[in-house]
Amino acid sequence: MPYSQFTTLRQVESAFDLILDEHHKLFKDVKPLQPAPRLQETLQDYLPLANAVNTEKARSELIIAPILLELRRQHRGKVGFFSGTEFTVNPDAGLSGYCDYILTASADLYEVRSPVVTLVEAKNEDIKGGLSQCIAEMVAAYQFNQQHEAEISTIYGVVTTGVIWKFLRLTYPVVAIDLEEYYVKEIDKILGILSLPFLMKEESIHPA
């Protein structure tokens, strides 16, 4: 069963013995990360076009991918970037199929290692409808890291239309869904939240 077959929060909660936490603003104290001028120019130029075309493909190419690639640039290429990649971890549990985007705590270009962020493009601009699929992909990332003995305790997830960004955090078995939604005009805040797992890795390698 592919990730997209998880369509309700109750379904994914039951399938993986999860506890949902929907009551907190998870990232209100996160330090914003200023984007490079070229990303700001890209969004200024192409956001109206993406909205006018109004397809998932246009939003992916013109809004989402440039933001994720800016994150990779900010971390000097130490963020692995995978788009439309097959990520089959546990087919018997339904954790199989293709992910819209995966970000990894590894610079490897050709193979997914140490996934820390999974991102789902909201179908029909339905953020709520994408949450269960995103959680399933987060569970898959968690299990993948467990299988490969990667010392990563927290997985982050995102459901986005390109314009609206909703963040999640999995510290097994608790999945926290942020009360807030962030708009692309808050790009510095979005980049700051996306940076969290990579900053945590850097701090673990170079403790204060």
C-alpha atoms as a PDB file:
ATOM      1  CA  MET A   1       0.000   0.000   0.000  1.00  0.00           C
ATOM      2  CA  PRO A   2       1.613   3.318  -1.023  1.00  0.00           C
ATOM      3  CA  TYR A   3       1.896   6.267   1.333  1.00  0.00           C
ATOM      4  CA  SER A   4      -0.969   8.042  -0.438  1.00  0.00           C
ATOM      5  CA  GLN A   5      -3.384   5.345   0.764  1.00  0.00           C
ATOM      6  CA  PHE A   6      -3.172   6.776   4.275  1.00  0.00           C
ATOM      7  CA  THR A   7      -6.010   9.270   4.122  1.00  0.00           C
ATOM      8  CA  THR A   8      -7.008   9.946   7.738  1.00  0.00           C
ATOM      9  CA  LEU A   9      -5.156  10.738  10.931  1.00  0.00           C
ATOM     10  CA  ARG A  10      -7.017   7.988  12.779  1.00  0.00           C
ATOM     11  CA  GLN A  11      -5.876   5.456  10.186  1.00  0.00           C
ATOM     12  CA  VAL A  12      -2.186   6.323  10.448  1.00  0.00           C
ATOM     13  CA  GLU A  13      -2.383   6.689  14.235  1.00  0.00           C
ATOM     14  CA  SER A  14      -3.818   3.176  14.576  1.00  0.00           C
ATOM     15  CA  ALA A  15      -1.492   1.587  12.003  1.00  0.00           C
ATOM     16  CA  PHE A  16       1.692   2.699  13.780  1.00  0.00           C
ATOM     17  CA  ASP A  17       0.572   3.043  17.432  1.00  0.00           C
ATOM     18  CA  LEU A  18       1.149   6.781  17.369  1.00  0.00           C
ATOM     19  CA  ILE A  19       0.078   9.484  19.787  1.00  0.00           C
ATOM     20  CA  LEU A  20      -1.035  12.722  18.157  1.00  0.00           C
ATOM     21  CA  ASP A  21      -0.282  16.074  19.767  1.00  0.00           C
ATOM     22  CA  GLU A  22      -2.198  18.897  18.111  1.00  0.00           C
ATOM     23  CA  HIS A  23      -2.103  21.509  20.862  1.00  0.00           C
ATOM     24  CA  HIS A  24       1.168  23.412  20.620  1.00  0.00           C
ATOM     25  CA  LYS A  25       2.915  26.074  18.611  1.00  0.00           C
ATOM     26  CA  LEU A  26       6.053  24.068  18.060  1.00  0.00           C
ATOM     27  CA  PHE A  27       8.313  26.574  16.376  1.00  0.00           C
ATOM     28  CA  LYS A  28       7.363  29.980  17.759  1.00  0.00           C
ATOM     29  CA  ASP A  29      10.885  30.515  19.145  1.00  0.00           C
ATOM     30  CA  VAL A  30      12.812  29.313  16.096  1.00  0.00           C
ATOM     31  CA  LYS A  31      15.395  31.762  14.807  1.00  0.00           C
ATOM     32  CA  PRO A  32      14.579  32.913  11.252  1.00  0.00           C
ATOM     33  CA  LEU A  33      17.091  32.214   8.503  1.00  0.00           C
ATOM     34  CA  GLN A  34      17.474  34.978   5.955  1.00  0.00           C
ATOM     35  CA  PRO A  35      17.266  33.790   2.344  1.00  0.00           C
ATOM     36  CA  ALA A  36      19.725  34.798  -0.331  1.00  0.00           C
ATOM     37  CA  PRO A  37      18.574  37.690  -2.544  1.00  0.00           C
ATOM     38  CA  ARG A  38      18.284  35.343  -5.523  1.00  0.00           C
ATOM     39  CA  LEU A  39      15.641  33.252  -3.746  1.00  0.00           C
ATOM     40  CA  GLN A  40      13.694  36.377  -2.890  1.00  0.00           C
ATOM     41  CA  GLU A  41      13.892  37.419  -6.539  1.00  0.00           C
ATOM     42  CA  THR A  42      12.822  33.945  -7.675  1.00  0.00           C
ATOM     43  CA  LEU A  43       9.772  34.002  -5.437  1.00  0.00           C
ATOM     44  CA  GLN A  44       8.915  37.547  -6.446  1.00  0.00           C
ATOM     45  CA  ASP A  45       9.144  36.643 -10.130  1.00  0.00           C
ATOM     46  CA  TYR A  46       7.536  33.195 -10.129  1.00  0.00           C
ATOM     47  CA  LEU A  47       5.027  33.127  -7.278  1.00  0.00           C
ATOM     48  CA  PRO A  48       2.396  34.977  -9.350  1.00  0.00           C
ATOM     49  CA  LEU A  49       3.058  32.605 -12.263  1.00  0.00           C
ATOM     50  CA  ALA A  50       2.740  29.510 -10.083  1.00  0.00           C
ATOM     51  CA  ASN A  51      -0.533  30.799  -8.668  1.00  0.00           C
ATOM     52  CA  ALA A  52      -1.844  31.598 -12.132  1.00  0.00           C
ATOM     53  CA  VAL A  53      -0.936  28.183 -13.590  1.00  0.00           C
ATOM     54  CA  ASN A  54      -2.275  26.656 -10.359  1.00  0.00           C
ATOM     55  CA  THR A  55      -0.984  23.104 -10.788  1.00  0.00           C
ATOM     56  CA  GLU A  56       0.999  20.990  -8.353  1.00  0.00           C
ATOM     57  CA  LYS A  57       3.809  20.702 -10.888  1.00  0.00           C
ATOM     58  CA  ALA A  58       4.096  24.469 -11.274  1.00  0.00           C
ATOM     59  CA  ARG A  59       4.095  25.060  -7.516  1.00  0.00           C
ATOM     60  CA  SER A  60       6.687  22.317  -7.069  1.00  0.00           C
ATOM     61  CA  GLU A  61       9.080  23.650  -9.705  1.00  0.00           C
ATOM     62  CA  LEU A  62       8.616  27.365  -9.132  1.00  0.00           C
ATOM     63  CA  ILE A  63       8.173  27.608  -5.349  1.00  0.00           C
ATOM     64  CA  ILE A  64       8.950  24.470  -3.362  1.00  0.00           C
ATOM     65  CA  ALA A  65      12.131  23.251  -5.062  1.00  0.00           C
ATOM     66  CA  PRO A  66      13.856  26.674  -5.008  1.00  0.00           C
ATOM     67  CA  ILE A  67      13.170  26.979  -1.265  1.00  0.00           C
ATOM     68  CA  LEU A  68      14.580  23.531  -0.510  1.00  0.00           C
ATOM     69  CA  LEU A  69      17.618  24.148  -2.682  1.00  0.00           C
ATOM     70  CA  GLU A  70      18.226  27.420  -0.857  1.00  0.00           C
ATOM     71  CA  LEU A  71      18.238  25.424   2.389  1.00  0.00           C
ATOM     72  CA  ARG A  72      20.833  23.104   0.870  1.00  0.00           C
ATOM     73  CA  ARG A  73      22.945  26.086  -0.206  1.00  0.00           C
ATOM     74  CA  GLN A  74      22.737  27.648   3.258  1.00  0.00           C
ATOM     75  CA  HIS A  75      24.134  24.433   4.730  1.00  0.00           C
ATOM     76  CA  ARG A  76      26.933  24.263   2.162  1.00  0.00           C
ATOM     77  CA  GLY A  77      25.653  21.192   0.372  1.00  0.00           C
ATOM     78  CA  LYS A  78      25.500  19.049   3.506  1.00  0.00           C
ATOM     79  CA  VAL A  79      21.766  18.532   3.013  1.00  0.00           C
ATOM     80  CA  GLY A  80      20.731  15.663   0.754  1.00  0.00           C
ATOM     81  CA  PHE A  81      17.926  16.612  -1.655  1.00  0.00           C
ATOM     82  CA  PHE A  82      15.674  13.969  -3.244  1.00  0.00           C
ATOM     83  CA  SER A  83      12.617  14.704  -5.388  1.00  0.00           C
ATOM     84  CA  GLY A  84      10.074  12.123  -6.539  1.00  0.00           C
ATOM     85  CA  THR A  85      12.230   9.317  -5.136  1.00  0.00           C
ATOM     86  CA  GLU A  86      11.049   5.786  -4.420  1.00  0.00           C
ATOM     87  CA  PHE A  87      11.319   5.166  -0.688  1.00  0.00           C
ATOM     88  CA  THR A  88      10.195   1.659   0.152  1.00  0.00           C
ATOM     89  CA  VAL A  89      10.981   0.780   3.756  1.00  0.00           C
ATOM     90  CA  ASN A  90       8.360  -1.677   5.023  1.00  0.00           C
ATOM     91  CA  PRO A  91       5.891  -2.773   2.314  1.00  0.00           C
ATOM     92  CA  ASP A  92       3.974  -5.086   4.659  1.00  0.00           C
ATOM     93  CA  ALA A  93       3.108  -2.055   6.813  1.00  0.00           C
ATOM     94  CA  GLY A  94       2.233   0.112   3.818  1.00  0.00           C
ATOM     95  CA  LEU A  95       5.445   2.123   3.961  1.00  0.00           C
ATOM     96  CA  SER A  96       6.267   2.082   0.285  1.00  0.00           C
ATOM     97  CA  GLY A  97       6.020   4.257  -2.776  1.00  0.00           C
ATOM     98  CA  TYR A  98       7.353   7.588  -3.930  1.00  0.00           C
ATOM     99  CA  CYS A  99       7.939  10.699  -1.805  1.00  0.00           C
ATOM    100  CA  ASP A 100       7.529  14.200  -3.190  1.00  0.00           C
ATOM    101  CA  TYR A 101      10.668  15.362  -1.389  1.00  0.00           C
ATOM    102  CA  ILE A 102      13.103  13.935   1.152  1.00  0.00           C
ATOM    103  CA  LEU A 103      15.853  15.913   2.854  1.00  0.00           C
ATOM    104  CA  THR A 104      18.660  13.947   4.450  1.00  0.00           C
ATOM    105  CA  ALA A 105      21.399  14.633   6.968  1.00  0.00           C
ATOM    106  CA  SER A 106      23.904  13.382   4.419  1.00  0.00           C
ATOM    107  CA  ALA A 107      25.593  14.940   1.432  1.00  0.00           C
ATOM    108  CA  ASP A 108      25.107  11.779  -0.658  1.00  0.00           C
ATOM    109  CA  LEU A 109      23.602  12.611  -4.045  1.00  0.00           C
ATOM    110  CA  TYR A 110      22.565   9.206  -5.366  1.00  0.00           C
ATOM    111  CA  GLU A 111      21.192   7.262  -2.416  1.00  0.00           C
ATOM    112  CA  VAL A 112      18.946   8.187   0.484  1.00  0.00           C
ATOM    113  CA  ARG A 113      20.847   8.051   3.778  1.00  0.00           C
ATOM    114  CA  SER A 114      19.727   9.436   7.139  1.00  0.00           C
ATOM    115  CA  PRO A 115      16.388  11.005   6.110  1.00  0.00           C
ATOM    116  CA  VAL A 116      15.294  13.740   8.500  1.00  0.00           C
ATOM    117  CA  VAL A 117      12.581  15.696   6.627  1.00  0.00           C
ATOM    118  CA  THR A 118       9.785  14.373   4.433  1.00  0.00           C
ATOM    119  CA  LEU A 119       7.688  16.814   2.441  1.00  0.00           C
ATOM    120  CA  VAL A 120       4.300  16.211   0.833  1.00  0.00           C
ATOM    121  CA  GLU A 121       2.737  18.493  -1.750  1.00  0.00           C
ATOM    122  CA  ALA A 122      -0.864  19.073  -0.728  1.00  0.00           C
ATOM    123  CA  LYS A 123      -3.198  17.647  -3.359  1.00  0.00           C
ATOM    124  CA  ASN A 124      -5.904  20.074  -4.467  1.00  0.00           C
ATOM    125  CA  GLU A 125      -4.329  22.570  -2.046  1.00  0.00           C
ATOM    126  CA  ASP A 126      -5.697  20.517   0.860  1.00  0.00           C
ATOM    127  CA  ILE A 127      -3.205  20.808   3.728  1.00  0.00           C
ATOM    128  CA  LYS A 128      -5.277  18.716   6.147  1.00  0.00           C
ATOM    129  CA  GLY A 129      -5.646  15.941   3.594  1.00  0.00           C
ATOM    130  CA  GLY A 130      -1.871  15.613   3.255  1.00  0.00           C
ATOM    131  CA  LEU A 131      -1.118  15.174   6.960  1.00  0.00           C
ATOM    132  CA  SER A 132      -1.715  11.423   7.172  1.00  0.00           C
ATOM    133  CA  GLN A 133       0.472  10.698   4.122  1.00  0.00           C
ATOM    134  CA  CYS A 134       3.214  12.893   5.530  1.00  0.00           C
ATOM    135  CA  ILE A 135       3.071  11.100   8.894  1.00  0.00           C
ATOM    136  CA  ALA A 136       3.353   7.720   7.139  1.00  0.00           C
ATOM    137  CA  GLU A 137       6.459   8.955   5.323  1.00  0.00           C
ATOM    138  CA  MET A 138       7.888  10.250   8.609  1.00  0.00           C
ATOM    139  CA  VAL A 139       7.353   6.827  10.199  1.00  0.00           C
ATOM    140  CA  ALA A 140       9.116   5.272   7.214  1.00  0.00           C
ATOM    141  CA  ALA A 141      12.048   7.659   7.683  1.00  0.00           C
ATOM    142  CA  TYR A 142      12.179   6.770  11.381  1.00  0.00           C
ATOM    143  CA  GLN A 143      12.160   3.037  10.635  1.00  0.00           C
ATOM    144  CA  PHE A 144      14.766   3.474   7.898  1.00  0.00           C
ATOM    145  CA  ASN A 145      17.106   5.194  10.330  1.00  0.00           C
ATOM    146  CA  GLN A 146      16.498   2.494  12.931  1.00  0.00           C
ATOM    147  CA  GLN A 147      17.310  -0.225  10.396  1.00  0.00           C
ATOM    148  CA  HIS A 148      20.527   1.536   9.419  1.00  0.00           C
ATOM    149  CA  GLU A 149      21.467   2.425  13.007  1.00  0.00           C
ATOM    150  CA  ALA A 150      21.426   6.138  12.307  1.00  0.00           C
ATOM    151  CA  GLU A 151      21.323   8.061  15.577  1.00  0.00           C
ATOM    152  CA  ILE A 152      18.437  10.344  14.635  1.00  0.00           C
ATOM    153  CA  SER A 153      15.685  10.590  17.226  1.00  0.00           C
ATOM    154  CA  THR A 154      13.459  13.216  15.598  1.00  0.00           C
ATOM    155  CA  ILE A 155      11.922  13.320  12.126  1.00  0.00           C
ATOM    156  CA  TYR A 156      10.344  16.462  10.699  1.00  0.00           C
ATOM    157  CA  GLY A 157       7.546  16.617   8.160  1.00  0.00           C
ATOM    158  CA  VAL A 158       5.988  19.277   5.966  1.00  0.00           C
ATOM    159  CA  VAL A 159       2.753  19.508   4.050  1.00  0.00           C
ATOM    160  CA  THR A 160       2.721  22.451   1.680  1.00  0.00           C
ATOM    161  CA  THR A 161       0.867  24.047  -1.187  1.00  0.00           C
ATOM    162  CA  GLY A 162       3.983  26.088  -1.892  1.00  0.00           C
ATOM    163  CA  VAL A 163       2.229  29.143  -0.497  1.00  0.00           C
ATOM    164  CA  ILE A 164       1.168  27.596   2.841  1.00  0.00           C
ATOM    165  CA  TRP A 165       3.540  25.435   4.915  1.00  0.00           C
ATOM    166  CA  LYS A 166       2.424  23.151   7.778  1.00  0.00           C
ATOM    167  CA  PHE A 167       5.092  21.474   9.914  1.00  0.00           C
ATOM    168  CA  LEU A 168       5.098  18.251  11.934  1.00  0.00           C
ATOM    169  CA  ARG A 169       7.583  16.605  14.292  1.00  0.00           C
ATOM    170  CA  LEU A 170       7.892  12.909  15.139  1.00  0.00           C
ATOM    171  CA  THR A 171       9.663  11.797  18.301  1.00  0.00           C
ATOM    172  CA  TYR A 172       8.380   8.266  18.368  1.00  0.00           C
ATOM    173  CA  PRO A 173       5.633   7.505  19.256  1.00  0.00           C
ATOM    174  CA  VAL A 174       4.470  11.133  19.507  1.00  0.00           C
ATOM    175  CA  VAL A 175       3.615  13.033  16.350  1.00  0.00           C
ATOM    176  CA  ALA A 176       3.213  16.741  17.015  1.00  0.00           C
ATOM    177  CA  ILE A 177       1.343  18.820  14.443  1.00  0.00           C
ATOM    178  CA  ASP A 178       2.127  22.507  14.696  1.00  0.00           C
ATOM    179  CA  LEU A 179      -0.879  24.729  15.373  1.00  0.00           C
ATOM    180  CA  GLU A 180       0.572  27.396  13.105  1.00  0.00           C
ATOM    181  CA  GLU A 181       0.608  27.586   9.333  1.00  0.00           C
ATOM    182  CA  TYR A 182       3.326  29.638   7.684  1.00  0.00           C
ATOM    183  CA  TYR A 183       2.961  31.570   4.447  1.00  0.00           C
ATOM    184  CA  VAL A 184       5.665  31.833   1.844  1.00  0.00           C
ATOM    185  CA  LYS A 185       6.025  35.551   2.590  1.00  0.00           C
ATOM    186  CA  GLU A 186       7.473  34.328   5.924  1.00  0.00           C
ATOM    187  CA  ILE A 187      10.261  32.602   4.015  1.00  0.00           C
ATOM    188  CA  ASP A 188      12.858  33.384   6.689  1.00  0.00           C
ATOM    189  CA  LYS A 189      10.753  31.566   9.301  1.00  0.00           C
ATOM    190  CA  ILE A 190      10.161  28.614   6.952  1.00  0.00           C
ATOM    191  CA  LEU A 191      13.892  28.293   6.295  1.00  0.00           C
ATOM    192  CA  GLY A 192      14.591  28.558  10.017  1.00  0.00           C
ATOM    193  CA  ILE A 193      12.269  25.643  10.803  1.00  0.00           C
ATOM    194  CA  LEU A 194      13.592  23.541   7.920  1.00  0.00           C
ATOM    195  CA  SER A 195      17.114  24.117   9.245  1.00  0.00           C
ATOM    196  CA  LEU A 196      16.419  22.649  12.694  1.00  0.00           C
ATOM    197  CA  PRO A 197      17.424  19.013  12.046  1.00  0.00           C
ATOM    198  CA  PHE A 198      20.622  20.088  10.320  1.00  0.00           C
ATOM    199  CA  LEU A 199      21.594  22.524  13.049  1.00  0.00           C
ATOM    200  CA  MET A 200      21.011  19.746  15.599  1.00  0.00           C
ATOM    201  CA  LYS A 201      23.344  17.460  13.652  1.00  0.00           C
ATOM    202  CA  GLU A 202      26.025  20.145  13.474  1.00  0.00           C
ATOM    203  CA  GLU A 203      25.752  20.758  17.203  1.00  0.00           C
ATOM    204  CA  SER A 204      26.108  17.020  17.915  1.00  0.00           C
ATOM    205  CA  ILE A 205      29.272  16.900  15.805  1.00  0.00           C
ATOM    206  CA  HIS A 206      30.702  20.145  17.188  1.00  0.00           C
ATOM    207  CA  PRO A 207      29.315  20.500  20.734  1.00  0.00           C
ATOM    208  CA  ALA A 208      29.786  23.813  22.487  1.00  0.00           C
END
